[in-house]
Amino acid sequence: YRKEFKLPENVHGKNVFIEFDGVYMNSDVWLNGKHLGNRPYGYSSFQYELTPYLKFGNEKNILAVRADVKQPCSRWYSGAGIYRHVRLTVKDPIHIAQWGMYVTTPEVTENEATVRVETKIQNQSGSVQQVMLETVIKDDLGLEVANSSSIKKVEANSINSFEQIIKVPKPKLWSLENPLLYRVESKILANDQVVDAIVTPFGIRTFEFTIDKGFFLNGKHVDIKGVCEHHDQGSLGSAVHKRAIERQLEILKSFGCNAIRTSNNPPDPVLLDLCDRMGFLVMDESFDEWKQAKTM
């Protein structure tokens, strides 16, 4: 694959990244002839920084990707090549690190939920920066229900983790029947300027696996009625198509399915987002073999 693109001069001084949700398989990526890296596994997401090798203005940049598919490589239809979404992101040198948001709900009662928000902030500016993190939690109607702010110094060329414990009153619980989602809206400020922002959806719920009584969600026993799903969409192939995945989940939901095992690899992020929104439990599988191949 080859992609030509230009970047305006005002991007100079920013940090530019390329994000792949998945390339099947054994991919190599180059920018303007510079090798950025190799990713053997075809199902995991990854990112490379382009900043040092970019050209600006009227000069063209050439991004090249090679996928090397070894056959036979699986017991199902794997597909090949760039089959998931790709994004070019431009960020301020001070920004939320890739996959730098982690939201949990360690304590939940009828009156209050404790929401733990961990935010990893990366400083690529080359000097120490004082950073403010403003966090707002909004409910499913878009109404603000809680907020917090934190200030820390972040050393040059480092990542600092901010932890915020936020109380949400009278929480609306996420359930299979009513999958209500809150959202964390995070803003990063440096020198009184907003330099980055991100929105992270999440559900407030409790869950427990017991030895003798099975699975409990929000204190209620739930029978897990799951299916194993490979990543492809049958005759449509393995390229990601949101509506096709959504339709598949609608059909599964219609006959009582409430859980998905992502056989046998990490799925596209679109599937996980849809499961959150549509009310599915998920077993997000990383792989099903290590030393011994299933195609031998």
C-alpha atoms as a PDB file:
ATOM      1  CA  TYR A   1       0.000   0.000   0.000  1.00  0.00           C
ATOM      2  CA  ARG A   2       1.164   3.547  -0.716  1.00  0.00           C
ATOM      3  CA  LYS A   3      -0.464   6.782   0.384  1.00  0.00           C
ATOM      4  CA  GLU A   4       0.695  10.239  -0.661  1.00  0.00           C
ATOM      5  CA  PHE A   5      -0.289  13.224   1.457  1.00  0.00           C
ATOM      6  CA  LYS A   6       0.732  16.813   2.185  1.00  0.00           C
ATOM      7  CA  LEU A   7       0.784  18.657   5.499  1.00  0.00           C
ATOM      8  CA  PRO A   8       0.399  22.435   5.866  1.00  0.00           C
ATOM      9  CA  GLU A   9       3.241  24.438   7.390  1.00  0.00           C
ATOM     10  CA  ASN A  10       1.186  25.183  10.523  1.00  0.00           C
ATOM     11  CA  VAL A  11       1.508  21.518  11.527  1.00  0.00           C
ATOM     12  CA  HIS A  12       5.258  22.064  11.931  1.00  0.00           C
ATOM     13  CA  GLY A  13       6.044  21.888  15.675  1.00  0.00           C
ATOM     14  CA  LYS A  14       3.228  19.449  16.374  1.00  0.00           C
ATOM     15  CA  ASN A  15       3.569  15.706  16.920  1.00  0.00           C
ATOM     16  CA  VAL A  16       2.071  13.552  14.179  1.00  0.00           C
ATOM     17  CA  PHE A  17       1.124   9.887  14.551  1.00  0.00           C
ATOM     18  CA  ILE A  18      -0.319   7.148  12.358  1.00  0.00           C
ATOM     19  CA  GLU A  19      -2.708   4.727  14.079  1.00  0.00           C
ATOM     20  CA  PHE A  20      -3.684   1.332  12.679  1.00  0.00           C
ATOM     21  CA  ASP A  21      -6.547  -0.637  14.231  1.00  0.00           C
ATOM     22  CA  GLY A  22      -5.104  -3.754  12.595  1.00  0.00           C
ATOM     23  CA  VAL A  23      -3.088  -4.943   9.587  1.00  0.00           C
ATOM     24  CA  TYR A  24      -3.118  -8.642   8.716  1.00  0.00           C
ATOM     25  CA  MET A  25      -0.322  -9.740   9.034  1.00  0.00           C
ATOM     26  CA  ASN A  26       3.422  -9.242   9.679  1.00  0.00           C
ATOM     27  CA  SER A  27       3.244  -5.604   8.590  1.00  0.00           C
ATOM     28  CA  ASP A  28       6.108  -3.204   7.921  1.00  0.00           C
ATOM     29  CA  VAL A  29       5.553   0.555   7.683  1.00  0.00           C
ATOM     30  CA  TRP A  30       7.770   3.207   6.082  1.00  0.00           C
ATOM     31  CA  LEU A  31       7.480   6.986   5.834  1.00  0.00           C
ATOM     32  CA  ASN A  32       9.527   8.683   3.144  1.00  0.00           C
ATOM     33  CA  GLY A  33      11.807   5.667   3.001  1.00  0.00           C
ATOM     34  CA  LYS A  34      12.360   5.485   6.789  1.00  0.00           C
ATOM     35  CA  HIS A  35      11.334   2.168   8.347  1.00  0.00           C
ATOM     36  CA  LEU A  36       9.003   2.829  11.293  1.00  0.00           C
ATOM     37  CA  GLY A  37       8.571  -0.735  12.554  1.00  0.00           C
ATOM     38  CA  ASN A  38       7.275  -4.256  12.143  1.00  0.00           C
ATOM     39  CA  ARG A  39       4.095  -5.726  13.647  1.00  0.00           C
ATOM     40  CA  PRO A  40       3.879  -9.532  13.295  1.00  0.00           C
ATOM     41  CA  TYR A  41       0.434  -9.988  14.896  1.00  0.00           C
ATOM     42  CA  GLY A  42      -2.428  -9.057  12.614  1.00  0.00           C
ATOM     43  CA  TYR A  43      -5.169  -8.375  15.159  1.00  0.00           C
ATOM     44  CA  SER A  44      -3.713  -5.803  17.551  1.00  0.00           C
ATOM     45  CA  SER A  45      -3.843  -2.028  17.177  1.00  0.00           C
ATOM     46  CA  PHE A  46      -0.612  -0.041  16.984  1.00  0.00           C
ATOM     47  CA  GLN A  47       0.812   3.414  16.430  1.00  0.00           C
ATOM     48  CA  TYR A  48       3.968   4.977  14.980  1.00  0.00           C
ATOM     49  CA  GLU A  49       5.194   8.536  15.313  1.00  0.00           C
ATOM     50  CA  LEU A  50       5.868  10.256  11.979  1.00  0.00           C
ATOM     51  CA  THR A  51       7.194  13.590  13.281  1.00  0.00           C
ATOM     52  CA  PRO A  52      10.958  13.206  12.609  1.00  0.00           C
ATOM     53  CA  TYR A  53      10.511  12.210   8.952  1.00  0.00           C
ATOM     54  CA  LEU A  54       7.743  14.528   7.758  1.00  0.00           C
ATOM     55  CA  LYS A  55       7.804  17.064   4.953  1.00  0.00           C
ATOM     56  CA  PHE A  56       5.594  20.171   4.968  1.00  0.00           C
ATOM     57  CA  GLY A  57       4.041  22.593   2.521  1.00  0.00           C
ATOM     58  CA  ASN A  58       3.988  21.459  -1.103  1.00  0.00           C
ATOM     59  CA  GLU A  59       6.308  18.503  -0.550  1.00  0.00           C
ATOM     60  CA  LYS A  60       4.658  15.096  -0.674  1.00  0.00           C
ATOM     61  CA  ASN A  61       4.938  12.493   2.052  1.00  0.00           C
ATOM     62  CA  ILE A  62       4.794   8.831   1.047  1.00  0.00           C
ATOM     63  CA  LEU A  63       3.524   6.299   3.573  1.00  0.00           C
ATOM     64  CA  ALA A  64       4.123   2.674   2.573  1.00  0.00           C
ATOM     65  CA  VAL A  65       2.724  -0.454   4.237  1.00  0.00           C
ATOM     66  CA  ARG A  66       3.598  -4.035   3.362  1.00  0.00           C
ATOM     67  CA  ALA A  67       1.627  -6.999   4.713  1.00  0.00           C
ATOM     68  CA  ASP A  68       3.158 -10.474   4.465  1.00  0.00           C
ATOM     69  CA  VAL A  69       0.456 -13.116   4.879  1.00  0.00           C
ATOM     70  CA  LYS A  70       1.718 -16.648   5.501  1.00  0.00           C
ATOM     71  CA  GLN A  71      -0.704 -19.380   4.426  1.00  0.00           C
ATOM     72  CA  PRO A  72      -2.170 -21.424   5.950  1.00  0.00           C
ATOM     73  CA  CYS A  73      -2.360 -19.053   8.889  1.00  0.00           C
ATOM     74  CA  SER A  74      -5.600 -19.849  10.749  1.00  0.00           C
ATOM     75  CA  ARG A  75      -8.629 -22.106  10.957  1.00  0.00           C
ATOM     76  CA  TRP A  76     -10.993 -19.325   9.878  1.00  0.00           C
ATOM     77  CA  TYR A  77     -11.081 -16.643   7.198  1.00  0.00           C
ATOM     78  CA  SER A  78      -8.379 -14.214   8.242  1.00  0.00           C
ATOM     79  CA  GLY A  79      -8.507 -11.782   5.371  1.00  0.00           C
ATOM     80  CA  ALA A  80      -5.353  -9.831   4.558  1.00  0.00           C
ATOM     81  CA  GLY A  81      -3.907  -6.348   4.372  1.00  0.00           C
ATOM     82  CA  ILE A  82      -5.188  -3.120   5.923  1.00  0.00           C
ATOM     83  CA  TYR A  83      -8.639  -4.364   6.890  1.00  0.00           C
ATOM     84  CA  ARG A  84      -9.294  -2.000   9.815  1.00  0.00           C
ATOM     85  CA  HIS A  85      -9.393   1.778  10.131  1.00  0.00           C
ATOM     86  CA  VAL A  86      -6.325   4.034   9.888  1.00  0.00           C
ATOM     87  CA  ARG A  87      -6.034   7.529  11.386  1.00  0.00           C
ATOM     88  CA  LEU A  88      -3.503  10.329  11.013  1.00  0.00           C
ATOM     89  CA  THR A  89      -3.504  12.336  14.265  1.00  0.00           C
ATOM     90  CA  VAL A  90      -1.873  15.698  14.918  1.00  0.00           C
ATOM     91  CA  LYS A  91      -1.217  16.534  18.565  1.00  0.00           C
ATOM     92  CA  ASP A  92       0.322  19.256  20.643  1.00  0.00           C
ATOM     93  CA  PRO A  93       3.632  18.170  22.220  1.00  0.00           C
ATOM     94  CA  ILE A  94       1.667  17.968  25.502  1.00  0.00           C
ATOM     95  CA  HIS A  95      -1.157  15.474  25.055  1.00  0.00           C
ATOM     96  CA  ILE A  96      -2.992  12.468  26.448  1.00  0.00           C
ATOM     97  CA  ALA A  97      -0.870   9.426  25.666  1.00  0.00           C
ATOM     98  CA  GLN A  98      -2.193   6.769  23.307  1.00  0.00           C
ATOM     99  CA  TRP A  99      -4.614   4.514  25.243  1.00  0.00           C
ATOM    100  CA  GLY A 100      -3.902   6.822  28.171  1.00  0.00           C
ATOM    101  CA  MET A 101      -7.437   6.808  29.644  1.00  0.00           C
ATOM    102  CA  TYR A 102      -8.527   4.171  32.152  1.00  0.00           C
ATOM    103  CA  VAL A 103     -11.903   4.505  33.872  1.00  0.00           C
ATOM    104  CA  THR A 104     -13.181   2.127  36.571  1.00  0.00           C
ATOM    105  CA  THR A 105     -16.024   2.135  39.093  1.00  0.00           C
ATOM    106  CA  PRO A 106     -14.563   0.410  42.193  1.00  0.00           C
ATOM    107  CA  GLU A 107     -17.486   1.224  44.534  1.00  0.00           C
ATOM    108  CA  VAL A 108     -21.139   1.486  43.583  1.00  0.00           C
ATOM    109  CA  THR A 109     -24.200   1.949  45.789  1.00  0.00           C
ATOM    110  CA  GLU A 110     -27.701   3.276  45.133  1.00  0.00           C
ATOM    111  CA  ASN A 111     -26.688   6.660  46.537  1.00  0.00           C
ATOM    112  CA  GLU A 112     -23.223   7.090  45.066  1.00  0.00           C
ATOM    113  CA  ALA A 113     -20.666   5.665  42.676  1.00  0.00           C
ATOM    114  CA  THR A 114     -16.932   6.100  42.984  1.00  0.00           C
ATOM    115  CA  VAL A 115     -15.374   6.673  39.573  1.00  0.00           C
ATOM    116  CA  ARG A 116     -11.581   6.330  39.278  1.00  0.00           C
ATOM    117  CA  VAL A 117     -10.148   8.139  36.275  1.00  0.00           C
ATOM    118  CA  GLU A 118      -6.508   7.524  35.410  1.00  0.00           C
ATOM    119  CA  THR A 119      -5.138   9.835  32.714  1.00  0.00           C
ATOM    120  CA  LYS A 120      -1.619   9.485  31.315  1.00  0.00           C
ATOM    121  CA  ILE A 121      -0.274  12.777  29.992  1.00  0.00           C
ATOM    122  CA  GLN A 122       2.738  12.795  27.704  1.00  0.00           C
ATOM    123  CA  ASN A 123       5.111  15.746  27.443  1.00  0.00           C
ATOM    124  CA  GLN A 124       7.196  15.768  24.264  1.00  0.00           C
ATOM    125  CA  SER A 125       8.014  19.484  24.459  1.00  0.00           C
ATOM    126  CA  GLY A 126      11.603  19.066  25.662  1.00  0.00           C
ATOM    127  CA  SER A 127      11.084  21.080  28.891  1.00  0.00           C
ATOM    128  CA  VAL A 128       9.217  20.661  32.175  1.00  0.00           C
ATOM    129  CA  GLN A 129       5.581  21.714  31.862  1.00  0.00           C
ATOM    130  CA  GLN A 130       2.922  22.502  34.444  1.00  0.00           C
ATOM    131  CA  VAL A 131      -0.237  20.830  33.235  1.00  0.00           C
ATOM    132  CA  MET A 132      -3.844  21.119  34.371  1.00  0.00           C
ATOM    133  CA  LEU A 133      -6.277  18.259  33.811  1.00  0.00           C
ATOM    134  CA  GLU A 134      -9.971  19.205  33.858  1.00  0.00           C
ATOM    135  CA  THR A 135     -12.362  16.256  34.014  1.00  0.00           C
ATOM    136  CA  VAL A 136     -16.140  16.409  33.671  1.00  0.00           C
ATOM    137  CA  ILE A 137     -18.504  13.443  33.941  1.00  0.00           C
ATOM    138  CA  LYS A 138     -21.791  13.679  32.040  1.00  0.00           C
ATOM    139  CA  ASP A 139     -24.740  11.289  32.131  1.00  0.00           C
ATOM    140  CA  ASP A 140     -26.586   9.679  29.221  1.00  0.00           C
ATOM    141  CA  LEU A 141     -28.602  12.884  28.718  1.00  0.00           C
ATOM    142  CA  GLY A 142     -25.471  15.018  28.453  1.00  0.00           C
ATOM    143  CA  LEU A 143     -25.938  16.635  31.876  1.00  0.00           C
ATOM    144  CA  GLU A 144     -22.889  17.274  34.040  1.00  0.00           C
ATOM    145  CA  VAL A 145     -23.020  15.198  37.230  1.00  0.00           C
ATOM    146  CA  ALA A 146     -19.483  15.584  38.628  1.00  0.00           C
ATOM    147  CA  ASN A 147     -16.117  17.165  37.912  1.00  0.00           C
ATOM    148  CA  SER A 148     -12.534  17.369  39.108  1.00  0.00           C
ATOM    149  CA  SER A 149      -9.309  19.189  38.278  1.00  0.00           C
ATOM    150  CA  SER A 150      -5.668  18.400  38.973  1.00  0.00           C
ATOM    151  CA  ILE A 151      -2.360  20.197  38.440  1.00  0.00           C
ATOM    152  CA  LYS A 152       1.014  18.491  38.091  1.00  0.00           C
ATOM    153  CA  LYS A 153       4.412  19.106  36.609  1.00  0.00           C
ATOM    154  CA  VAL A 154       5.322  16.738  33.809  1.00  0.00           C
ATOM    155  CA  GLU A 155       9.000  16.244  33.103  1.00  0.00           C
ATOM    156  CA  ALA A 156      10.367  16.673  29.590  1.00  0.00           C
ATOM    157  CA  ASN A 157      10.025  13.642  27.321  1.00  0.00           C
ATOM    158  CA  SER A 158       8.075  11.669  29.917  1.00  0.00           C
ATOM    159  CA  ILE A 159       4.594  10.441  30.800  1.00  0.00           C
ATOM    160  CA  ASN A 160       2.925  11.341  34.095  1.00  0.00           C
ATOM    161  CA  SER A 161      -0.174   9.597  35.419  1.00  0.00           C
ATOM    162  CA  PHE A 162      -2.995  11.631  36.974  1.00  0.00           C
ATOM    163  CA  GLU A 163      -5.442   9.803  39.261  1.00  0.00           C
ATOM    164  CA  GLN A 164      -8.798  11.370  40.073  1.00  0.00           C
ATOM    165  CA  ILE A 165     -11.427   9.869  42.385  1.00  0.00           C
ATOM    166  CA  ILE A 166     -14.807  11.369  41.500  1.00  0.00           C
ATOM    167  CA  LYS A 167     -18.147  10.745  43.233  1.00  0.00           C
ATOM    168  CA  VAL A 168     -21.272  10.443  41.078  1.00  0.00           C
ATOM    169  CA  PRO A 169     -24.559  10.820  43.027  1.00  0.00           C
ATOM    170  CA  LYS A 170     -27.527   8.512  42.386  1.00  0.00           C
ATOM    171  CA  PRO A 171     -25.839   6.602  39.571  1.00  0.00           C
ATOM    172  CA  LYS A 172     -27.760   5.098  36.676  1.00  0.00           C
ATOM    173  CA  LEU A 173     -26.439   1.560  36.282  1.00  0.00           C
ATOM    174  CA  TRP A 174     -25.344  -0.049  33.023  1.00  0.00           C
ATOM    175  CA  SER A 175     -27.176  -3.335  32.460  1.00  0.00           C
ATOM    176  CA  LEU A 176     -27.829  -5.772  29.624  1.00  0.00           C
ATOM    177  CA  GLU A 177     -31.412  -4.548  29.308  1.00  0.00           C
ATOM    178  CA  ASN A 178     -30.630  -0.854  29.714  1.00  0.00           C
ATOM    179  CA  PRO A 179     -26.989  -0.151  28.742  1.00  0.00           C
ATOM    180  CA  LEU A 180     -26.760   3.460  29.930  1.00  0.00           C
ATOM    181  CA  LEU A 181     -23.406   5.086  29.315  1.00  0.00           C
ATOM    182  CA  TYR A 182     -21.803   8.030  31.035  1.00  0.00           C
ATOM    183  CA  ARG A 183     -18.905   9.930  29.478  1.00  0.00           C
ATOM    184  CA  VAL A 184     -15.684  11.376  30.827  1.00  0.00           C
ATOM    185  CA  GLU A 185     -14.742  14.615  29.068  1.00  0.00           C
ATOM    186  CA  SER A 186     -11.075  15.401  29.664  1.00  0.00           C
ATOM    187  CA  LYS A 187      -9.234  18.636  28.806  1.00  0.00           C
ATOM    188  CA  ILE A 188      -5.505  19.260  29.089  1.00  0.00           C
ATOM    189  CA  LEU A 189      -4.357  22.845  29.649  1.00  0.00           C
ATOM    190  CA  ALA A 190      -0.804  24.212  29.467  1.00  0.00           C
ATOM    191  CA  ASN A 191      -0.032  27.936  29.758  1.00  0.00           C
ATOM    192  CA  ASP A 192      -3.798  28.529  30.102  1.00  0.00           C
ATOM    193  CA  GLN A 193      -4.437  27.027  26.657  1.00  0.00           C
ATOM    194  CA  VAL A 194      -6.369  23.842  25.884  1.00  0.00           C
ATOM    195  CA  VAL A 195      -3.826  21.587  24.160  1.00  0.00           C
ATOM    196  CA  ASP A 196      -5.737  18.291  24.057  1.00  0.00           C
ATOM    197  CA  ALA A 197      -9.200  16.877  24.760  1.00  0.00           C
ATOM    198  CA  ILE A 198     -10.779  13.435  24.693  1.00  0.00           C
ATOM    199  CA  VAL A 199     -14.161  11.839  25.433  1.00  0.00           C
ATOM    200  CA  THR A 200     -14.294   8.396  27.077  1.00  0.00           C
ATOM    201  CA  PRO A 201     -17.642   6.559  27.416  1.00  0.00           C
ATOM    202  CA  PHE A 202     -18.112   4.187  30.359  1.00  0.00           C
ATOM    203  CA  GLY A 203     -20.802   2.371  32.299  1.00  0.00           C
ATOM    204  CA  ILE A 204     -21.335   2.292  36.043  1.00  0.00           C
ATOM    205  CA  ARG A 205     -21.916  -1.292  37.224  1.00  0.00           C
ATOM    206  CA  THR A 206     -20.718  -4.016  39.539  1.00  0.00           C
ATOM    207  CA  PHE A 207     -19.991  -7.608  38.590  1.00  0.00           C
ATOM    208  CA  GLU A 208     -18.935 -10.750  40.418  1.00  0.00           C
ATOM    209  CA  PHE A 209     -18.144 -14.353  39.558  1.00  0.00           C
ATOM    210  CA  THR A 210     -18.986 -16.752  42.402  1.00  0.00           C
ATOM    211  CA  ILE A 211     -17.916 -20.367  42.910  1.00  0.00           C
ATOM    212  CA  ASP A 212     -21.341 -21.803  43.585  1.00  0.00           C
ATOM    213  CA  LYS A 213     -23.915 -19.400  42.175  1.00  0.00           C
ATOM    214  CA  GLY A 214     -22.379 -18.114  38.948  1.00  0.00           C
ATOM    215  CA  PHE A 215     -22.269 -14.578  37.593  1.00  0.00           C
ATOM    216  CA  PHE A 216     -23.839 -11.472  39.149  1.00  0.00           C
ATOM    217  CA  LEU A 217     -24.317  -8.097  37.478  1.00  0.00           C
ATOM    218  CA  ASN A 218     -25.335  -5.201  39.743  1.00  0.00           C
ATOM    219  CA  GLY A 219     -26.088  -7.730  42.471  1.00  0.00           C
ATOM    220  CA  LYS A 220     -28.485  -9.777  40.321  1.00  0.00           C
ATOM    221  CA  HIS A 221     -27.800 -13.287  39.042  1.00  0.00           C
ATOM    222  CA  VAL A 222     -27.393 -13.406  35.258  1.00  0.00           C
ATOM    223  CA  ASP A 223     -27.142 -16.460  33.015  1.00  0.00           C
ATOM    224  CA  ILE A 224     -24.423 -15.808  30.470  1.00  0.00           C
ATOM    225  CA  LYS A 225     -25.811 -16.780  27.059  1.00  0.00           C
ATOM    226  CA  GLY A 226     -22.871 -16.209  24.795  1.00  0.00           C
ATOM    227  CA  VAL A 227     -21.528 -17.040  21.364  1.00  0.00           C
ATOM    228  CA  CYS A 228     -18.029 -17.208  19.880  1.00  0.00           C
ATOM    229  CA  GLU A 229     -17.599 -14.684  17.088  1.00  0.00           C
ATOM    230  CA  HIS A 230     -14.810 -14.523  14.545  1.00  0.00           C
ATOM    231  CA  HIS A 231     -14.022 -11.056  13.233  1.00  0.00           C
ATOM    232  CA  ASP A 232     -15.243 -11.456   9.648  1.00  0.00           C
ATOM    233  CA  GLN A 233     -18.737 -10.722   8.368  1.00  0.00           C
ATOM    234  CA  GLY A 234     -19.279 -13.840   6.297  1.00  0.00           C
ATOM    235  CA  SER A 235     -19.581 -13.086   2.586  1.00  0.00           C
ATOM    236  CA  LEU A 236     -18.746  -9.420   3.244  1.00  0.00           C
ATOM    237  CA  GLY A 237     -15.215 -10.421   4.232  1.00  0.00           C
ATOM    238  CA  SER A 238     -13.006  -9.215   7.052  1.00  0.00           C
ATOM    239  CA  ALA A 239     -12.850  -5.470   6.284  1.00  0.00           C
ATOM    240  CA  VAL A 240     -14.475  -3.529   9.124  1.00  0.00           C
ATOM    241  CA  HIS A 241     -17.955  -2.188   8.380  1.00  0.00           C
ATOM    242  CA  LYS A 242     -19.724  -0.711  11.396  1.00  0.00           C
ATOM    243  CA  ARG A 243     -23.291  -1.254  10.214  1.00  0.00           C
ATOM    244  CA  ALA A 244     -22.576  -4.896   9.343  1.00  0.00           C
ATOM    245  CA  ILE A 245     -21.206  -5.526  12.848  1.00  0.00           C
ATOM    246  CA  GLU A 246     -24.156  -3.685  14.393  1.00  0.00           C
ATOM    247  CA  ARG A 247     -26.642  -5.754  12.362  1.00  0.00           C
ATOM    248  CA  GLN A 248     -24.923  -8.957  13.436  1.00  0.00           C
ATOM    249  CA  LEU A 249     -25.257  -7.928  17.103  1.00  0.00           C
ATOM    250  CA  GLU A 250     -28.918  -6.985  16.583  1.00  0.00           C
ATOM    251  CA  ILE A 251     -29.637 -10.480  15.237  1.00  0.00           C
ATOM    252  CA  LEU A 252     -27.784 -12.125  18.132  1.00  0.00           C
ATOM    253  CA  LYS A 253     -29.662  -9.944  20.635  1.00  0.00           C
ATOM    254  CA  SER A 254     -32.992 -10.881  19.062  1.00  0.00           C
ATOM    255  CA  PHE A 255     -32.643 -14.568  19.960  1.00  0.00           C
ATOM    256  CA  GLY A 256     -31.394 -13.995  23.512  1.00  0.00           C
ATOM    257  CA  CYS A 257     -27.621 -13.722  23.183  1.00  0.00           C
ATOM    258  CA  ASN A 258     -26.100 -11.456  25.831  1.00  0.00           C
ATOM    259  CA  ALA A 259     -22.348 -12.170  25.616  1.00  0.00           C
ATOM    260  CA  ILE A 260     -19.581 -12.319  22.991  1.00  0.00           C
ATOM    261  CA  ARG A 261     -16.290 -14.188  23.046  1.00  0.00           C
ATOM    262  CA  THR A 262     -14.024 -12.586  20.460  1.00  0.00           C
ATOM    263  CA  SER A 263     -12.688 -15.798  18.960  1.00  0.00           C
ATOM    264  CA  ASN A 264      -9.730 -15.946  18.824  1.00  0.00           C
ATOM    265  CA  ASN A 265      -8.143 -12.522  18.871  1.00  0.00           C
ATOM    266  CA  PRO A 266      -8.687  -8.856  19.803  1.00  0.00           C
ATOM    267  CA  PRO A 267     -11.576  -7.462  17.730  1.00  0.00           C
ATOM    268  CA  ASP A 268     -11.826  -4.114  16.042  1.00  0.00           C
ATOM    269  CA  PRO A 269     -12.575  -1.324  18.565  1.00  0.00           C
ATOM    270  CA  VAL A 270     -15.886  -0.745  16.774  1.00  0.00           C
ATOM    271  CA  LEU A 271     -17.216  -4.074  18.073  1.00  0.00           C
ATOM    272  CA  LEU A 272     -16.299  -3.251  21.671  1.00  0.00           C
ATOM    273  CA  ASP A 273     -17.949   0.178  21.450  1.00  0.00           C
ATOM    274  CA  LEU A 274     -21.119  -1.364  20.003  1.00  0.00           C
ATOM    275  CA  CYS A 275     -21.237  -4.022  22.738  1.00  0.00           C
ATOM    276  CA  ASP A 276     -21.036  -1.276  25.378  1.00  0.00           C
ATOM    277  CA  ARG A 277     -23.858   0.642  23.701  1.00  0.00           C
ATOM    278  CA  MET A 278     -26.087  -2.348  22.905  1.00  0.00           C
ATOM    279  CA  GLY A 279     -25.733  -4.315  26.147  1.00  0.00           C
ATOM    280  CA  PHE A 280     -23.365  -7.265  25.686  1.00  0.00           C
ATOM    281  CA  LEU A 281     -20.870  -8.827  28.043  1.00  0.00           C
ATOM    282  CA  VAL A 282     -17.510  -9.408  26.325  1.00  0.00           C
ATOM    283  CA  MET A 283     -14.655 -11.846  26.750  1.00  0.00           C
ATOM    284  CA  ASP A 284     -11.936 -10.007  24.819  1.00  0.00           C
ATOM    285  CA  GLU A 285      -9.606 -12.820  23.799  1.00  0.00           C
ATOM    286  CA  SER A 286      -5.957 -12.105  22.977  1.00  0.00           C
ATOM    287  CA  PHE A 287      -5.058 -15.400  21.251  1.00  0.00           C
ATOM    288  CA  ASP A 288      -5.887 -19.105  21.494  1.00  0.00           C
ATOM    289  CA  GLU A 289      -2.463 -20.628  20.859  1.00  0.00           C
ATOM    290  CA  TRP A 290       1.151 -19.701  21.454  1.00  0.00           C
ATOM    291  CA  LYS A 291       3.839 -22.317  20.778  1.00  0.00           C
ATOM    292  CA  GLN A 292       1.844 -24.849  18.766  1.00  0.00           C
ATOM    293  CA  ALA A 293       0.114 -23.637  15.623  1.00  0.00           C
ATOM    294  CA  LYS A 294      -3.460 -24.790  14.932  1.00  0.00           C
ATOM    295  CA  THR A 295      -2.796 -25.263  11.220  1.00  0.00           C
ATOM    296  CA  MET A 296      -0.005 -27.850  11.579  1.00  0.00           C
END
